Amino acid sequence: TAANDQVIAGALDAAHAMGLTAGIYTSPLSWSGIAGRYQPDVPVWVAWYTGNPQANCANAMSFAAAHGDALPVGGVWLTQYTDNNGTLDGDYAC
């Protein structure tokens, strides 16, 4: 995960140097497996298939923390979700 952290930090630095807003796409239980305890201060686009995008926005950070995961700390800006019958895969702006 340390090498991944360096790659992620470099990509974020490059995007910021170009004046772009950069964020991270991940799920509440996968980030630590990729980046360990690295928590950049960038927005999160959270993939969480609960069927309730509003709750995803409100609860993703606390859910991840309660399960030992450490998401980036810039807040949840978007969530990818599915409806309860699995026919819709959408995005919702928090």
Protein backbone atom coordinates (compact mmCIF):
# COMPACT_ATOMS: atom_id res chain seq x y z
CA THR A 1 0.00 0.00 0.00
CA ALA A 2 2.93 2.39 0.57
CA ALA A 3 3.84 2.29 -3.14
CA ASN A 4 0.18 2.86 -4.06
CA ASP A 5 0.10 5.87 -1.74
CA GLN A 6 3.05 7.41 -3.59
CA VAL A 7 1.41 6.86 -6.98
CA ILE A 8 -1.89 8.31 -5.76
CA ALA A 9 -0.17 11.32 -4.17
CA GLY A 10 1.79 11.96 -7.37
CA ALA A 11 -1.33 11.81 -9.51
CA LEU A 12 -3.19 14.14 -7.16
CA ASP A 13 -0.26 16.58 -7.09
CA ALA A 14 -0.10 16.59 -10.89
CA ALA A 15 -3.84 17.22 -11.21
CA HIS A 16 -3.70 20.02 -8.64
CA ALA A 17 -0.68 21.59 -10.40
CA MET A 18 -2.83 21.79 -13.55
CA GLY A 19 -5.56 23.57 -11.59
CA LEU A 20 -7.90 20.57 -11.58
CA THR A 21 -10.07 19.30 -8.77
CA ALA A 22 -9.13 15.67 -8.26
CA GLY A 23 -11.00 13.05 -6.33
CA ILE A 24 -10.95 9.35 -5.51
CA TYR A 25 -13.42 6.69 -6.68
CA THR A 26 -13.65 3.84 -4.16
CA SER A 27 -16.02 1.86 -1.99
CA PRO A 28 -16.34 2.09 1.80
CA LEU A 29 -14.59 -1.22 2.42
CA SER A 30 -11.89 -1.25 -0.28
CA TRP A 31 -9.78 1.88 0.20
CA SER A 32 -7.56 0.58 3.00
CA GLY A 33 -6.70 -2.52 0.97
CA ILE A 34 -5.44 -0.21 -1.77
CA ALA A 35 -3.93 2.66 0.19
CA GLY A 36 -3.58 1.53 3.79
CA ARG A 37 -4.19 4.43 6.16
CA TYR A 38 -3.49 7.12 3.53
CA GLN A 39 -6.29 9.69 3.61
CA PRO A 40 -5.74 12.52 1.14
CA ASP A 41 -7.91 15.61 1.50
CA VAL A 42 -9.82 15.15 -1.76
CA PRO A 43 -13.46 14.46 -2.64
CA VAL A 44 -14.73 10.88 -2.72
CA TRP A 45 -16.97 9.30 -5.34
CA VAL A 46 -18.20 6.34 -3.34
CA ALA A 47 -19.38 3.14 -5.00
CA TRP A 48 -21.87 1.65 -2.59
CA TYR A 49 -24.78 -0.41 -3.85
CA THR A 50 -27.27 0.11 -1.05
CA GLY A 51 -30.26 1.32 -3.07
CA ASN A 52 -30.29 4.54 -1.02
CA PRO A 53 -28.00 7.21 -2.47
CA GLN A 54 -28.97 9.87 0.09
CA ALA A 55 -27.92 7.55 2.92
CA ASN A 56 -24.70 6.76 1.06
CA CYS A 57 -23.83 10.45 1.10
CA ALA A 58 -24.59 10.76 4.80
CA ASN A 59 -23.14 7.47 6.03
CA ALA A 60 -20.23 6.32 3.85
CA MET A 61 -17.50 7.91 5.96
CA SER A 62 -18.84 6.65 9.30
CA PHE A 63 -19.61 3.19 7.88
CA ALA A 64 -16.06 2.86 6.57
CA ALA A 65 -14.58 4.03 9.87
CA ALA A 66 -16.76 1.65 11.86
CA HIS A 67 -15.40 -1.23 9.75
CA GLY A 68 -11.76 -0.18 10.05
CA ASP A 69 -11.45 1.48 6.66
CA ALA A 70 -10.07 4.97 6.14
CA LEU A 71 -11.55 6.85 3.19
CA PRO A 72 -10.06 10.09 1.84
CA VAL A 73 -11.18 12.99 4.01
CA GLY A 74 -12.46 15.49 1.45
CA GLY A 75 -16.07 14.43 1.88
CA VAL A 76 -18.41 12.39 -0.27
CA TRP A 77 -19.33 14.39 -3.37
CA LEU A 78 -20.91 11.63 -5.45
CA THR A 79 -22.23 8.13 -4.91
CA GLN A 80 -22.70 5.33 -7.38
CA TYR A 81 -25.62 3.17 -6.36
CA THR A 82 -28.09 0.62 -7.64
CA ASP A 83 -31.79 0.40 -7.03
CA ASN A 84 -33.11 -2.41 -4.85
CA ASN A 85 -33.98 -4.69 -7.78
CA GLY A 86 -30.58 -4.24 -9.48
CA THR A 87 -31.85 -2.70 -12.71
CA LEU A 88 -30.46 0.82 -12.25
CA ASP A 89 -26.81 1.73 -11.75
CA GLY A 90 -26.77 5.45 -11.22
CA ASP A 91 -24.80 8.32 -9.79
CA TYR A 92 -26.11 10.79 -7.25
CA ALA A 93 -24.53 14.13 -6.35
CA CYS A 94 -24.26 14.61 -2.62
